[in-house]
Protein backbone atom coordinates (compact mmCIF):
# COMPACT_ATOMS: atom_id res chain seq x y z
CA MET A 1 -15.84 8.15 0.75
CA LYS A 2 -14.33 6.60 3.87
CA ASN A 3 -10.91 7.52 2.71
CA LEU A 4 -12.02 11.30 2.44
CA ILE A 5 -13.35 11.34 5.72
CA ILE A 6 -10.23 9.72 7.26
CA CYS A 7 -7.80 12.30 5.24
CA GLY A 8 -10.00 14.97 6.54
CA ILE A 9 -9.46 14.01 9.97
CA LEU A 10 -5.94 13.57 9.54
CA ILE A 11 -5.50 17.01 8.08
CA CYS A 12 -7.12 18.44 10.73
CA LEU A 13 -5.20 16.69 13.63
CA PHE A 14 -1.80 17.73 11.59
CA SER A 15 -2.79 21.34 11.30
CA SER A 16 -3.90 21.62 15.18
CA CYS A 17 -0.18 20.95 15.78
CA LEU A 18 0.99 24.16 13.97
CA GLU A 19 0.80 27.46 15.66
CA LYS A 20 0.39 30.67 13.95
CA ILE A 21 3.02 33.43 14.40
CA ASP A 22 1.89 36.15 16.80
CA PRO A 23 3.82 39.28 16.23
CA HIS A 24 3.62 40.16 19.84
CA ALA A 25 4.88 36.73 20.65
CA LEU A 26 8.12 37.29 18.48
CA THR A 27 8.72 40.59 19.79
CA ASN A 28 12.09 40.63 22.05
CA THR A 29 12.77 36.64 21.37
CA LYS A 30 16.14 35.04 20.26
CA TRP A 31 16.44 32.04 17.92
CA GLU A 32 19.39 29.74 17.07
CA LEU A 33 19.60 28.11 13.59
CA THR A 34 19.28 24.37 13.94
CA GLU A 35 18.38 23.51 10.43
CA LEU A 36 19.43 24.85 6.85
CA PRO A 37 18.12 22.03 4.27
CA GLY A 38 20.96 21.03 2.17
CA ILE A 39 24.00 22.64 4.36
CA THR A 40 25.78 21.07 7.11
CA LEU A 41 26.03 23.60 9.75
CA PRO A 42 29.69 24.91 10.90
CA GLY A 43 30.65 23.75 14.15
CA THR A 44 32.66 26.58 14.96
CA SER A 45 29.88 29.45 14.98
CA LYS A 46 26.19 29.55 14.91
CA ALA A 47 23.71 31.77 13.22
CA SER A 48 20.82 33.45 15.35
CA LEU A 49 17.81 35.48 14.55
CA ASN A 50 16.76 38.02 17.11
CA PHE A 51 13.34 40.14 16.97
CA ALA A 52 13.06 43.43 18.79
CA GLU A 53 10.46 46.00 18.99
CA GLY A 54 8.24 46.52 15.58
CA LEU A 55 9.60 43.17 14.35
CA LYS A 56 12.95 44.89 13.68
CA PHE A 57 15.38 41.64 13.46
CA GLY A 58 19.28 41.26 13.66
CA GLY A 59 21.69 38.48 14.39
CA LYS A 60 24.66 36.73 13.60
CA SER A 61 24.98 35.13 10.20
CA PHE A 62 27.92 32.68 11.52
CA CYS A 63 30.60 35.42 10.68
CA ASN A 64 28.87 38.60 10.16
CA SER A 65 26.11 40.50 11.92
CA TYR A 66 23.28 41.23 10.02
CA GLY A 67 19.69 43.32 10.61
CA GLY A 68 16.48 44.26 8.65
CA GLN A 69 12.60 44.51 9.33
CA ALA A 70 10.37 41.76 9.17
CA GLU A 71 6.53 42.15 7.92
CA LEU A 72 3.91 39.78 9.63
CA VAL A 73 0.45 39.67 7.77
CA ASP A 74 -1.92 36.95 8.11
CA ASN A 75 0.85 34.50 9.01
CA LYS A 76 2.94 35.33 6.06
CA ILE A 77 6.17 36.70 7.06
CA THR A 78 8.88 38.81 4.98
CA LEU A 79 12.13 39.89 6.08
CA LYS A 80 12.94 43.15 4.28
CA ASN A 81 15.90 45.58 3.98
CA VAL A 82 18.61 42.76 4.92
CA PHE A 83 21.73 44.31 5.75
CA GLY A 84 24.98 43.16 7.22
CA THR A 85 28.68 43.61 7.76
CA LYS A 86 31.08 41.95 5.03
CA MET A 87 33.58 40.24 6.61
CA PHE A 88 35.14 37.39 4.83
CA CYS A 89 35.20 34.32 6.73
CA GLN A 90 36.47 31.17 4.88
CA ASP A 91 35.23 28.51 7.12
CA THR A 92 31.61 29.91 7.12
CA ASP A 93 31.08 31.23 3.66
CA GLU A 94 28.85 28.66 2.14
CA ALA A 95 26.77 28.43 5.03
CA GLU A 96 26.46 32.24 5.50
CA ARG A 97 25.63 32.69 1.71
CA ALA A 98 23.22 30.05 1.99
CA TYR A 99 21.46 31.38 5.27
CA LEU A 100 21.47 35.14 4.20
CA ASN A 101 19.82 33.75 0.66
CA ALA A 102 17.23 31.68 2.89
CA LEU A 103 16.26 35.10 4.83
CA GLY A 104 15.68 36.88 1.68
CA GLN A 105 13.64 34.26 0.18
CA THR A 106 11.28 33.74 3.09
CA ASN A 107 7.66 34.44 2.46
CA HIS A 108 5.80 32.44 5.13
CA GLY A 109 6.52 31.19 8.72
CA LYS A 110 4.89 28.93 11.15
CA MET A 111 5.74 27.71 14.93
CA VAL A 112 5.88 23.89 15.29
CA ASP A 113 6.31 22.33 18.71
CA GLY A 114 8.24 25.53 19.82
CA LYS A 115 10.37 25.80 16.95
CA LEU A 116 10.48 28.66 14.23
CA HIS A 117 10.08 27.45 10.70
CA LEU A 118 10.96 30.04 7.81
CA LEU A 119 9.84 28.92 4.47
CA ASN A 120 9.14 29.88 0.71
CA GLY A 121 5.43 28.41 0.10
CA GLU A 122 5.61 25.19 1.52
CA LYS A 123 9.53 24.53 1.21
CA THR A 124 11.30 24.87 4.58
CA LEU A 125 14.27 27.30 4.37
CA LEU A 126 15.32 27.53 7.96
CA VAL A 127 14.64 26.11 11.26
CA PHE A 128 15.31 27.93 14.94
CA THR A 129 15.07 27.01 18.25
CA LYS A 130 14.41 29.27 20.92
CA THR A 131 17.36 30.56 23.33
CA ASN A 132 14.95 32.73 25.50
């Protein structure tokens, strides 16, 4: 019983560190990719995610530009209708494909310590740091 109480307290403490995503807080923000688990980020270019009015989003996927529409319901975020340019950049191709694939798999998000985490279920797909 004592262990259950301790576990309950720990869960409450850790969950209080998580910030829910507010659609108004995302509007007109710019983010830079800092983690793409399983992939080494290219040193020559960066990926970005920028949110505009109405949760329209866009940015740079290392080489190409992309955009789409985000939907946020009950702290579950999905990125829909992702479109982009189709230039081939050999140095960033692997990271770009992984990045765009991860965007398409996103179904949940959270903010932790000012960082935006995009997830599929509980699996972290992408981590961004705010740039503005």
